[in-house]
Amino acid sequence: MPTLEFFFDCSSPWTYLAFHKIEELALDHSAELMWKPILVGGVFNSVNPSVYEQRSNPVMPKLRYALKDMQDWARVYGLEIGQPEVFPVNSAKAMRGSLVAEEHGKMSTYVRRVFEIYWSAGQDISDDDVLLIVAEQAELDSREFFEKISSPPYKEKLRANTDELIERGGFGSPTIFVNRDDMYFGNDRLSLVGEALKRC
């Protein structure tokens, strides 16, 4: 069975797009989907600081096109992607929460709720009140959820995933690996991921 590793951070709209299709892609090709939540800010700080330069001094024609491109993809996928009031956002607690959700077999449900409440509803996923709503919607025990996301093991696991992506040559979210060594970056590479899985 081929493996499909999905390194992701919910603070990225392009990752929301890829997330929307990744499970279907894995199912279509009988691949084992491996969720790898990360902190994309940690990746940028380490190996891709040009992201911050682009944000502070954008090339306006390129930015306008990128926003159009994102909405074109969202329309095709049937998603609503707006502009949250808080962007960029500190997604650390939300991403640690995905590790808790995974323990209960609810990774996909939880992550979808995080994406929706941030990118569609525009709410701040660094806010505990917002995360409480997400946890309840994913049917997670809120007390367990908040205890775990503030504990060292969950902080370390998220950091380890982030470091792993950097060590393997990644530079952003979403990053996808087919069979460990074949790397793809971005929602618009999913068709190439599909072709790679066909060859497995």
N, C-alpha and C. Protein backbone atom coordinates (compact mmCIF):
# COMPACT_ATOMS: atom_id res chain seq x y z
N MET A 1 0.84 -1.20 0.00
CA MET A 1 0.00 0.00 0.00
C MET A 1 0.88 1.25 0.00
N PRO A 2 0.66 2.18 -0.94
CA PRO A 2 1.45 3.41 -0.93
C PRO A 2 1.09 4.29 0.25
N THR A 3 2.03 5.11 0.68
CA THR A 3 1.77 6.04 1.78
C THR A 3 1.67 7.46 1.24
N LEU A 4 0.79 8.22 1.88
CA LEU A 4 0.55 9.61 1.49
C LEU A 4 0.62 10.44 2.77
N GLU A 5 1.72 11.17 2.96
CA GLU A 5 1.90 11.99 4.14
C GLU A 5 1.45 13.41 3.84
N PHE A 6 0.63 13.96 4.72
CA PHE A 6 0.06 15.29 4.52
C PHE A 6 0.51 16.20 5.66
N PHE A 7 1.54 17.02 5.38
CA PHE A 7 2.03 18.00 6.35
C PHE A 7 1.21 19.28 6.17
N PHE A 8 0.57 19.75 7.24
CA PHE A 8 -0.40 20.83 7.08
C PHE A 8 -0.50 21.72 8.30
N ASP A 9 -0.91 22.97 8.03
CA ASP A 9 -1.22 23.95 9.06
C ASP A 9 -2.51 24.64 8.63
N CYS A 10 -3.48 24.69 9.52
CA CYS A 10 -4.80 25.23 9.19
C CYS A 10 -4.80 26.74 8.97
N SER A 11 -3.68 27.40 9.21
CA SER A 11 -3.62 28.85 9.00
C SER A 11 -3.44 29.21 7.52
N SER A 12 -3.32 28.21 6.66
CA SER A 12 -3.10 28.44 5.23
C SER A 12 -4.35 28.14 4.41
N PRO A 13 -4.84 29.10 3.61
CA PRO A 13 -6.02 28.83 2.79
C PRO A 13 -5.75 27.80 1.71
N TRP A 14 -4.52 27.78 1.19
CA TRP A 14 -4.18 26.79 0.16
C TRP A 14 -4.21 25.39 0.75
N THR A 15 -3.90 25.28 2.03
CA THR A 15 -3.96 24.00 2.71
C THR A 15 -5.41 23.57 2.89
N TYR A 16 -6.29 24.51 3.14
CA TYR A 16 -7.73 24.20 3.23
C TYR A 16 -8.19 23.56 1.92
N LEU A 17 -7.76 24.12 0.82
CA LEU A 17 -8.14 23.56 -0.49
C LEU A 17 -7.62 22.13 -0.63
N ALA A 18 -6.35 21.92 -0.32
CA ALA A 18 -5.77 20.59 -0.46
C ALA A 18 -6.41 19.59 0.50
N PHE A 19 -6.67 20.03 1.72
CA PHE A 19 -7.33 19.16 2.70
C PHE A 19 -8.66 18.66 2.17
N HIS A 20 -9.37 19.51 1.47
CA HIS A 20 -10.70 19.16 0.97
C HIS A 20 -10.66 17.96 0.03
N LYS A 21 -9.52 17.71 -0.59
CA LYS A 21 -9.40 16.63 -1.58
C LYS A 21 -8.49 15.48 -1.16
N ILE A 22 -7.70 15.67 -0.11
CA ILE A 22 -6.65 14.69 0.18
C ILE A 22 -7.19 13.32 0.57
N GLU A 23 -8.27 13.28 1.33
CA GLU A 23 -8.83 11.98 1.73
C GLU A 23 -9.39 11.23 0.52
N GLU A 24 -10.06 11.95 -0.34
CA GLU A 24 -10.59 11.35 -1.56
C GLU A 24 -9.46 10.80 -2.42
N LEU A 25 -8.38 11.54 -2.52
CA LEU A 25 -7.23 11.12 -3.31
C LEU A 25 -6.63 9.83 -2.74
N ALA A 26 -6.49 9.79 -1.42
CA ALA A 26 -5.95 8.58 -0.78
C ALA A 26 -6.86 7.39 -1.01
N LEU A 27 -8.15 7.60 -0.89
CA LEU A 27 -9.12 6.52 -1.08
C LEU A 27 -9.11 6.01 -2.51
N ASP A 28 -9.07 6.93 -3.46
CA ASP A 28 -9.10 6.54 -4.88
C ASP A 28 -7.91 5.67 -5.26
N HIS A 29 -6.79 5.86 -4.56
CA HIS A 29 -5.57 5.14 -4.92
C HIS A 29 -5.14 4.14 -3.85
N SER A 30 -6.07 3.84 -2.93
CA SER A 30 -5.81 2.85 -1.88
C SER A 30 -4.50 3.15 -1.14
N ALA A 31 -4.30 4.42 -0.82
CA ALA A 31 -3.09 4.85 -0.13
C ALA A 31 -3.37 5.06 1.35
N GLU A 32 -2.37 4.82 2.16
CA GLU A 32 -2.48 5.09 3.59
C GLU A 32 -2.20 6.57 3.83
N LEU A 33 -3.21 7.29 4.32
CA LEU A 33 -3.08 8.72 4.58
C LEU A 33 -2.51 8.93 5.98
N MET A 34 -1.43 9.66 6.05
CA MET A 34 -0.76 9.93 7.32
C MET A 34 -0.81 11.43 7.59
N TRP A 35 -1.54 11.83 8.64
CA TRP A 35 -1.69 13.24 8.98
C TRP A 35 -0.46 13.72 9.72
N LYS A 36 0.09 14.88 9.30
CA LYS A 36 1.28 15.45 9.94
C LYS A 36 1.06 16.94 10.21
N PRO A 37 0.34 17.27 11.29
CA PRO A 37 0.16 18.69 11.63
C PRO A 37 1.49 19.34 11.98
N ILE A 38 1.65 20.58 11.53
CA ILE A 38 2.89 21.34 11.74
C ILE A 38 2.56 22.77 12.12
N LEU A 39 3.60 23.54 12.44
CA LEU A 39 3.50 24.99 12.57
C LEU A 39 4.24 25.61 11.39
N VAL A 40 3.50 26.12 10.44
CA VAL A 40 4.15 26.61 9.23
C VAL A 40 5.01 27.84 9.52
N GLY A 41 4.67 28.59 10.56
CA GLY A 41 5.51 29.73 10.93
C GLY A 41 6.91 29.30 11.32
N GLY A 42 7.00 28.14 11.97
CA GLY A 42 8.30 27.60 12.32
C GLY A 42 9.11 27.23 11.09
N VAL A 43 8.42 26.75 10.07
CA VAL A 43 9.08 26.42 8.80
C VAL A 43 9.58 27.69 8.14
N PHE A 44 8.72 28.71 8.09
CA PHE A 44 9.11 29.98 7.47
C PHE A 44 10.32 30.57 8.19
N ASN A 45 10.28 30.56 9.52
CA ASN A 45 11.37 31.15 10.30
C ASN A 45 12.69 30.45 10.02
N SER A 46 12.62 29.15 9.78
CA SER A 46 13.84 28.37 9.62
C SER A 46 14.39 28.39 8.20
N VAL A 47 13.50 28.19 7.22
CA VAL A 47 14.02 27.99 5.85
C VAL A 47 13.36 28.85 4.77
N ASN A 48 12.30 29.58 5.12
CA ASN A 48 11.59 30.32 4.07
C ASN A 48 11.16 31.71 4.53
N PRO A 49 12.10 32.55 5.00
CA PRO A 49 11.72 33.88 5.48
C PRO A 49 11.24 34.82 4.38
N SER A 50 11.40 34.44 3.13
CA SER A 50 10.94 35.29 2.02
C SER A 50 9.43 35.50 2.08
N VAL A 51 8.72 34.60 2.73
CA VAL A 51 7.26 34.76 2.89
C VAL A 51 6.96 36.08 3.60
N TYR A 52 7.73 36.37 4.65
CA TYR A 52 7.49 37.60 5.40
C TYR A 52 7.83 38.83 4.57
N GLU A 53 8.85 38.72 3.76
CA GLU A 53 9.24 39.83 2.89
C GLU A 53 8.14 40.12 1.87
N GLN A 54 7.55 39.07 1.34
CA GLN A 54 6.47 39.25 0.36
C GLN A 54 5.24 39.89 1.00
N ARG A 55 4.97 39.52 2.25
CA ARG A 55 3.81 40.11 2.94
C ARG A 55 4.02 41.59 3.23
N SER A 56 5.24 41.96 3.59
CA SER A 56 5.50 43.34 3.95
C SER A 56 5.67 44.24 2.73
N ASN A 57 6.06 43.64 1.62
CA ASN A 57 6.28 44.43 0.40
C ASN A 57 5.77 43.64 -0.81
N PRO A 58 4.46 43.46 -0.91
CA PRO A 58 3.93 42.59 -1.96
C PRO A 58 4.05 43.20 -3.36
N VAL A 59 4.18 42.32 -4.33
CA VAL A 59 4.06 42.72 -5.74
C VAL A 59 2.57 42.70 -6.05
N MET A 60 1.97 43.88 -6.20
CA MET A 60 0.51 43.97 -6.21
C MET A 60 -0.15 43.19 -7.34
N PRO A 61 0.35 43.23 -8.58
CA PRO A 61 -0.29 42.40 -9.62
C PRO A 61 -0.27 40.91 -9.26
N LYS A 62 0.84 40.46 -8.70
CA LYS A 62 0.95 39.05 -8.31
C LYS A 62 -0.01 38.73 -7.16
N LEU A 63 -0.14 39.64 -6.20
CA LEU A 63 -1.04 39.43 -5.07
C LEU A 63 -2.49 39.39 -5.54
N ARG A 64 -2.86 40.32 -6.42
CA ARG A 64 -4.24 40.32 -6.93
C ARG A 64 -4.56 39.02 -7.65
N TYR A 65 -3.59 38.55 -8.43
CA TYR A 65 -3.82 37.30 -9.15
C TYR A 65 -3.91 36.12 -8.18
N ALA A 66 -3.07 36.09 -7.15
CA ALA A 66 -3.10 35.00 -6.18
C ALA A 66 -4.45 34.93 -5.48
N LEU A 67 -5.02 36.09 -5.15
CA LEU A 67 -6.33 36.12 -4.51
C LEU A 67 -7.41 35.61 -5.45
N LYS A 68 -7.32 36.00 -6.72
CA LYS A 68 -8.27 35.49 -7.71
C LYS A 68 -8.12 33.98 -7.88
N ASP A 69 -6.88 33.54 -7.97
CA ASP A 69 -6.59 32.12 -8.15
C ASP A 69 -7.18 31.30 -7.01
N MET A 70 -7.01 31.80 -5.78
CA MET A 70 -7.55 31.10 -4.62
C MET A 70 -9.07 30.99 -4.69
N GLN A 71 -9.73 32.08 -5.08
CA GLN A 71 -11.19 32.04 -5.19
C GLN A 71 -11.66 31.15 -6.33
N ASP A 72 -10.88 31.07 -7.40
CA ASP A 72 -11.21 30.15 -8.50
C ASP A 72 -11.20 28.71 -8.01
N TRP A 73 -10.16 28.36 -7.26
CA TRP A 73 -10.07 27.01 -6.70
C TRP A 73 -11.21 26.76 -5.71
N ALA A 74 -11.48 27.73 -4.85
CA ALA A 74 -12.55 27.56 -3.87
C ALA A 74 -13.89 27.33 -4.55
N ARG A 75 -14.13 28.04 -5.63
CA ARG A 75 -15.38 27.88 -6.37
C ARG A 75 -15.50 26.46 -6.94
N VAL A 76 -14.41 25.97 -7.50
CA VAL A 76 -14.40 24.62 -8.07
C VAL A 76 -14.66 23.57 -7.00
N TYR A 77 -14.10 23.78 -5.81
CA TYR A 77 -14.24 22.82 -4.72
C TYR A 77 -15.53 23.01 -3.92
N GLY A 78 -16.25 24.10 -4.17
CA GLY A 78 -17.46 24.36 -3.41
C GLY A 78 -17.19 24.84 -1.99
N LEU A 79 -16.08 25.54 -1.80
CA LEU A 79 -15.72 26.05 -0.48
C LEU A 79 -15.87 27.56 -0.44
N GLU A 80 -16.02 28.07 0.78
CA GLU A 80 -16.04 29.52 0.99
C GLU A 80 -14.78 29.92 1.74
N ILE A 81 -13.94 30.72 1.10
CA ILE A 81 -12.72 31.20 1.74
C ILE A 81 -12.76 32.72 1.77
N GLY A 82 -12.86 33.26 2.97
CA GLY A 82 -12.90 34.70 3.13
C GLY A 82 -11.57 35.22 3.64
N GLN A 83 -11.60 36.41 4.20
CA GLN A 83 -10.39 37.02 4.76
C GLN A 83 -10.60 37.20 6.26
N PRO A 84 -10.06 36.32 7.09
CA PRO A 84 -10.24 36.44 8.54
C PRO A 84 -9.70 37.77 9.05
N GLU A 85 -10.32 38.28 10.12
CA GLU A 85 -9.85 39.53 10.70
C GLU A 85 -8.44 39.38 11.25
N VAL A 86 -8.12 38.21 11.79
CA VAL A 86 -6.78 37.96 12.34
C VAL A 86 -6.00 37.11 11.34
N PHE A 87 -5.07 37.73 10.65
CA PHE A 87 -4.20 37.02 9.72
C PHE A 87 -2.88 37.77 9.60
N PRO A 88 -1.75 37.09 9.74
CA PRO A 88 -1.64 35.67 10.09
C PRO A 88 -2.08 35.41 11.52
N VAL A 89 -2.37 34.15 11.80
CA VAL A 89 -2.89 33.77 13.11
C VAL A 89 -1.93 32.78 13.77
N ASN A 90 -1.89 32.81 15.08
CA ASN A 90 -1.11 31.82 15.83
C ASN A 90 -1.95 30.55 15.92
N SER A 91 -1.58 29.55 15.15
CA SER A 91 -2.39 28.33 15.06
C SER A 91 -1.89 27.22 15.97
N ALA A 92 -0.95 27.52 16.86
CA ALA A 92 -0.30 26.47 17.65
C ALA A 92 -1.30 25.63 18.44
N LYS A 93 -2.20 26.27 19.16
CA LYS A 93 -3.15 25.50 19.98
C LYS A 93 -4.10 24.70 19.12
N ALA A 94 -4.53 25.29 18.03
CA ALA A 94 -5.43 24.57 17.12
C ALA A 94 -4.75 23.34 16.53
N MET A 95 -3.47 23.49 16.18
CA MET A 95 -2.76 22.36 15.57
C MET A 95 -2.43 21.29 16.61
N ARG A 96 -2.13 21.69 17.85
CA ARG A 96 -1.96 20.68 18.89
C ARG A 96 -3.27 19.95 19.12
N GLY A 97 -4.37 20.68 18.98
CA GLY A 97 -5.68 20.05 19.14
C GLY A 97 -5.92 18.94 18.12
N SER A 98 -5.33 19.08 16.94
CA SER A 98 -5.51 18.02 15.94
C SER A 98 -4.87 16.72 16.40
N LEU A 99 -3.81 16.82 17.20
CA LEU A 99 -3.18 15.61 17.74
C LEU A 99 -4.10 14.92 18.74
N VAL A 100 -4.82 15.72 19.52
CA VAL A 100 -5.81 15.16 20.44
C VAL A 100 -6.93 14.50 19.66
N ALA A 101 -7.40 15.18 18.63
CA ALA A 101 -8.48 14.62 17.81
C ALA A 101 -8.07 13.31 17.17
N GLU A 102 -6.81 13.23 16.72
CA GLU A 102 -6.33 12.00 16.09
C GLU A 102 -6.39 10.83 17.05
N GLU A 103 -6.11 11.07 18.32
CA GLU A 103 -6.17 10.00 19.31
C GLU A 103 -7.57 9.40 19.42
N HIS A 104 -8.57 10.19 19.09
CA HIS A 104 -9.96 9.75 19.19
C HIS A 104 -10.56 9.39 17.82
N GLY A 105 -9.71 9.30 16.80
CA GLY A 105 -10.20 8.96 15.47
C GLY A 105 -11.03 10.05 14.83
N LYS A 106 -10.77 11.31 15.21
CA LYS A 106 -11.58 12.42 14.73
C LYS A 106 -10.75 13.52 14.08
N MET A 107 -9.59 13.13 13.57
CA MET A 107 -8.71 14.11 12.94
C MET A 107 -9.41 14.87 11.83
N SER A 108 -9.99 14.16 10.88
CA SER A 108 -10.60 14.81 9.73
C SER A 108 -11.73 15.75 10.13
N THR A 109 -12.60 15.28 11.02
CA THR A 109 -13.73 16.10 11.47
C THR A 109 -13.24 17.37 12.17
N TYR A 110 -12.30 17.21 13.05
CA TYR A 110 -11.76 18.36 13.80
C TYR A 110 -11.10 19.36 12.87
N VAL A 111 -10.22 18.88 12.00
CA VAL A 111 -9.48 19.78 11.12
C VAL A 111 -10.43 20.53 10.19
N ARG A 112 -11.45 19.84 9.67
CA ARG A 112 -12.42 20.52 8.82
C ARG A 112 -13.11 21.64 9.58
N ARG A 113 -13.45 21.40 10.85
CA ARG A 113 -14.10 22.44 11.66
C ARG A 113 -13.17 23.63 11.87
N VAL A 114 -11.88 23.35 12.09
CA VAL A 114 -10.92 24.46 12.26
C VAL A 114 -10.85 25.29 10.99
N PHE A 115 -10.70 24.63 9.86
CA PHE A 115 -10.65 25.36 8.58
C PHE A 115 -11.92 26.18 8.38
N GLU A 116 -13.07 25.60 8.62
CA GLU A 116 -14.34 26.29 8.37
C GLU A 116 -14.52 27.49 9.28
N ILE A 117 -14.19 27.32 10.56
CA ILE A 117 -14.45 28.43 11.49
C ILE A 117 -13.47 29.57 11.27
N TYR A 118 -12.29 29.25 10.74
CA TYR A 118 -11.31 30.30 10.46
C TYR A 118 -11.51 30.90 9.08
N TRP A 119 -11.50 30.07 8.05
CA TRP A 119 -11.51 30.60 6.68
C TRP A 119 -12.90 30.93 6.15
N SER A 120 -13.93 30.26 6.65
CA SER A 120 -15.28 30.58 6.18
C SER A 120 -15.99 31.54 7.13
N ALA A 121 -15.86 31.30 8.45
CA ALA A 121 -16.54 32.16 9.43
C ALA A 121 -15.66 33.31 9.89
N GLY A 122 -14.36 33.24 9.64
CA GLY A 122 -13.46 34.35 9.96
C GLY A 122 -13.11 34.50 11.42
N GLN A 123 -13.35 33.46 12.23
CA GLN A 123 -13.08 33.57 13.66
C GLN A 123 -11.63 33.22 13.99
N ASP A 124 -11.17 33.73 15.12
CA ASP A 124 -9.77 33.63 15.52
C ASP A 124 -9.50 32.28 16.19
N ILE A 125 -8.77 31.41 15.50
CA ILE A 125 -8.52 30.06 16.04
C ILE A 125 -7.42 30.03 17.10
N SER A 126 -6.88 31.18 17.47
CA SER A 126 -5.98 31.23 18.62
C SER A 126 -6.75 31.50 19.91
N ASP A 127 -8.05 31.78 19.78
CA ASP A 127 -8.91 32.12 20.90
C ASP A 127 -9.50 30.84 21.52
N ASP A 128 -9.37 30.69 22.82
CA ASP A 128 -9.87 29.48 23.49
C ASP A 128 -11.37 29.30 23.32
N ASP A 129 -12.13 30.39 23.31
CA ASP A 129 -13.58 30.28 23.14
C ASP A 129 -13.92 29.70 21.77
N VAL A 130 -13.16 30.08 20.77
CA VAL A 130 -13.39 29.54 19.42
C VAL A 130 -12.98 28.08 19.37
N LEU A 131 -11.85 27.75 19.99
CA LEU A 131 -11.41 26.35 20.01
C LEU A 131 -12.37 25.47 20.79
N LEU A 132 -13.01 26.02 21.80
CA LEU A 132 -14.02 25.26 22.54
C LEU A 132 -15.17 24.86 21.62
N ILE A 133 -15.59 25.79 20.78
CA ILE A 133 -16.66 25.48 19.82
C ILE A 133 -16.21 24.36 18.88
N VAL A 134 -14.99 24.46 18.39
CA VAL A 134 -14.47 23.44 17.47
C VAL A 134 -14.41 22.08 18.15
N ALA A 135 -13.88 22.05 19.37
CA ALA A 135 -13.77 20.78 20.10
C ALA A 135 -15.14 20.15 20.33
N GLU A 136 -16.11 20.98 20.69
CA GLU A 136 -17.46 20.46 20.92
C GLU A 136 -18.08 19.96 19.62
N GLN A 137 -17.86 20.68 18.53
CA GLN A 137 -18.39 20.23 17.24
C GLN A 137 -17.77 18.91 16.80
N ALA A 138 -16.51 18.69 17.18
CA ALA A 138 -15.83 17.44 16.84
C ALA A 138 -16.09 16.36 17.88
N GLU A 139 -16.92 16.67 18.85
CA GLU A 139 -17.31 15.73 19.91
C GLU A 139 -16.10 15.26 20.72
N LEU A 140 -15.24 16.22 21.06
CA LEU A 140 -14.10 15.96 21.92
C LEU A 140 -14.41 16.48 23.32
N ASP A 141 -13.89 15.82 24.33
CA ASP A 141 -14.07 16.27 25.70
C ASP A 141 -13.25 17.55 25.90
N SER A 142 -13.92 18.62 26.24
CA SER A 142 -13.25 19.92 26.28
C SER A 142 -12.19 20.01 27.38
N ARG A 143 -12.45 19.38 28.50
CA ARG A 143 -11.46 19.42 29.58
C ARG A 143 -10.18 18.70 29.16
N GLU A 144 -10.33 17.51 28.61
CA GLU A 144 -9.17 16.75 28.12
C GLU A 144 -8.45 17.54 27.03
N PHE A 145 -9.23 18.12 26.13
CA PHE A 145 -8.68 18.85 25.00
C PHE A 145 -7.76 19.97 25.47
N PHE A 146 -8.24 20.82 26.36
CA PHE A 146 -7.44 21.98 26.79
C PHE A 146 -6.27 21.58 27.69
N GLU A 147 -6.45 20.53 28.48
CA GLU A 147 -5.33 20.06 29.29
C GLU A 147 -4.19 19.57 28.39
N LYS A 148 -4.55 18.82 27.37
CA LYS A 148 -3.52 18.22 26.52
C LYS A 148 -2.83 19.25 25.62
N ILE A 149 -3.58 20.20 25.07
CA ILE A 149 -2.93 21.13 24.13
C ILE A 149 -1.99 22.10 24.83
N SER A 150 -2.08 22.18 26.15
CA SER A 150 -1.15 23.04 26.90
C SER A 150 -0.03 22.24 27.54
N SER A 151 0.03 20.93 27.28
CA SER A 151 1.01 20.07 27.93
C SER A 151 2.24 19.86 27.06
N PRO A 152 3.40 19.62 27.68
CA PRO A 152 4.65 19.47 26.92
C PRO A 152 4.65 18.38 25.85
N PRO A 153 4.06 17.21 26.08
CA PRO A 153 4.13 16.18 25.02
C PRO A 153 3.49 16.61 23.71
N TYR A 154 2.41 17.36 23.76
CA TYR A 154 1.73 17.78 22.54
C TYR A 154 2.47 18.93 21.87
N LYS A 155 3.07 19.78 22.68
CA LYS A 155 3.91 20.83 22.11
C LYS A 155 5.11 20.22 21.40
N GLU A 156 5.69 19.21 22.02
CA GLU A 156 6.87 18.57 21.44
C GLU A 156 6.53 17.81 20.16
N LYS A 157 5.40 17.14 20.14
CA LYS A 157 5.00 16.38 18.95
C LYS A 157 4.81 17.32 17.76
N LEU A 158 4.16 18.44 17.99
CA LEU A 158 3.96 19.41 16.91
C LEU A 158 5.31 19.97 16.44
N ARG A 159 6.19 20.25 17.37
CA ARG A 159 7.52 20.75 17.02
C ARG A 159 8.30 19.69 16.24
N ALA A 160 8.16 18.44 16.65
CA ALA A 160 8.88 17.35 15.97
C ALA A 160 8.41 17.20 14.53
N ASN A 161 7.09 17.30 14.31
CA ASN A 161 6.57 17.22 12.94
C ASN A 161 7.11 18.37 12.08
N THR A 162 7.17 19.55 12.68
CA THR A 162 7.67 20.72 11.96
C THR A 162 9.14 20.54 11.61
N ASP A 163 9.91 20.09 12.57
CA ASP A 163 11.34 19.85 12.32
C ASP A 163 11.54 18.75 11.27
N GLU A 164 10.69 17.74 11.31
CA GLU A 164 10.80 16.66 10.34
C GLU A 164 10.59 17.18 8.92
N LEU A 165 9.59 18.03 8.74
CA LEU A 165 9.33 18.58 7.41
C LEU A 165 10.53 19.37 6.91
N ILE A 166 11.10 20.19 7.77
CA ILE A 166 12.27 20.98 7.39
C ILE A 166 13.42 20.06 7.00
N GLU A 167 13.65 19.04 7.79
CA GLU A 167 14.75 18.11 7.52
C GLU A 167 14.56 17.37 6.21
N ARG A 168 13.32 17.18 5.80
CA ARG A 168 13.03 16.44 4.58
C ARG A 168 12.89 17.35 3.35
N GLY A 169 13.21 18.63 3.53
CA GLY A 169 13.25 19.54 2.40
C GLY A 169 12.00 20.37 2.19
N GLY A 170 11.05 20.32 3.12
CA GLY A 170 9.83 21.11 2.98
C GLY A 170 10.04 22.57 3.32
N PHE A 171 9.16 23.42 2.81
CA PHE A 171 9.31 24.86 3.04
C PHE A 171 7.97 25.56 3.22
N GLY A 172 6.87 24.81 3.34
CA GLY A 172 5.57 25.45 3.52
C GLY A 172 4.47 24.43 3.67
N SER A 173 3.23 24.91 3.65
CA SER A 173 2.04 24.08 3.82
C SER A 173 1.03 24.38 2.72
N PRO A 174 0.48 23.32 2.11
CA PRO A 174 0.64 21.90 2.42
C PRO A 174 1.81 21.28 1.67
N THR A 175 2.47 20.35 2.33
CA THR A 175 3.50 19.55 1.69
C THR A 175 3.08 18.08 1.77
N ILE A 176 3.22 17.39 0.67
CA ILE A 176 2.74 16.02 0.56
C ILE A 176 3.89 15.14 0.10
N PHE A 177 4.03 14.00 0.74
CA PHE A 177 5.03 13.01 0.32
C PHE A 177 4.34 11.72 -0.09
N VAL A 178 4.71 11.21 -1.25
CA VAL A 178 4.26 9.90 -1.69
C VAL A 178 5.40 8.92 -1.43
N ASN A 179 5.08 7.87 -0.70
CA ASN A 179 6.08 6.85 -0.40
C ASN A 179 7.39 7.43 0.14
N ARG A 180 7.20 8.37 1.07
CA ARG A 180 8.29 8.89 1.88
C ARG A 180 9.20 9.90 1.18
N ASP A 181 9.65 9.63 -0.04
CA ASP A 181 10.70 10.45 -0.66
C ASP A 181 10.23 11.38 -1.78
N ASP A 182 9.01 11.20 -2.27
CA ASP A 182 8.53 11.95 -3.44
C ASP A 182 7.69 13.13 -2.95
N MET A 183 8.26 14.34 -2.96
CA MET A 183 7.62 15.51 -2.34
C MET A 183 6.87 16.38 -3.35
N TYR A 184 5.72 16.88 -2.90
CA TYR A 184 4.90 17.81 -3.69
C TYR A 184 4.45 18.93 -2.76
N PHE A 185 4.39 20.15 -3.30
CA PHE A 185 3.99 21.31 -2.50
C PHE A 185 2.81 22.01 -3.16
N GLY A 186 1.74 22.21 -2.38
CA GLY A 186 0.63 23.04 -2.84
C GLY A 186 -0.57 22.26 -3.34
N ASN A 187 -1.72 22.89 -3.17
CA ASN A 187 -2.97 22.32 -3.65
C ASN A 187 -2.94 22.02 -5.15
N ASP A 188 -2.29 22.88 -5.92
CA ASP A 188 -2.30 22.71 -7.38
C ASP A 188 -1.41 21.58 -7.86
N ARG A 189 -0.78 20.86 -6.93
CA ARG A 189 0.03 19.69 -7.31
C ARG A 189 -0.70 18.37 -7.04
N LEU A 190 -1.95 18.43 -6.63
CA LEU A 190 -2.67 17.20 -6.28
C LEU A 190 -2.83 16.27 -7.48
N SER A 191 -2.98 16.83 -8.67
CA SER A 191 -3.09 15.97 -9.85
C SER A 191 -1.78 15.20 -10.06
N LEU A 192 -0.65 15.84 -9.78
CA LEU A 192 0.64 15.17 -9.90
C LEU A 192 0.79 14.10 -8.80
N VAL A 193 0.26 14.39 -7.62
CA VAL A 193 0.26 13.38 -6.55
C VAL A 193 -0.53 12.16 -7.00
N GLY A 194 -1.68 12.40 -7.62
CA GLY A 194 -2.48 11.30 -8.13
C GLY A 194 -1.74 10.46 -9.15
N GLU A 195 -1.03 11.11 -10.03
CA GLU A 195 -0.25 10.39 -11.04
C GLU A 195 0.87 9.58 -10.39
N ALA A 196 1.49 10.14 -9.36
CA ALA A 196 2.54 9.42 -8.65
C ALA A 196 1.96 8.17 -7.97
N LEU A 197 0.78 8.30 -7.40
CA LEU A 197 0.16 7.16 -6.74
C LEU A 197 -0.22 6.06 -7.73
N LYS A 198 -0.57 6.46 -8.94
CA LYS A 198 -0.87 5.46 -9.97
C LYS A 198 0.34 4.59 -10.29
N ARG A 199 1.51 5.18 -10.15
CA ARG A 199 2.74 4.45 -10.49
C ARG A 199 3.19 3.52 -9.37
N CYS A 200 2.57 3.64 -8.22
CA CYS A 200 3.01 2.85 -7.07
C CYS A 200 2.54 1.38 -7.20
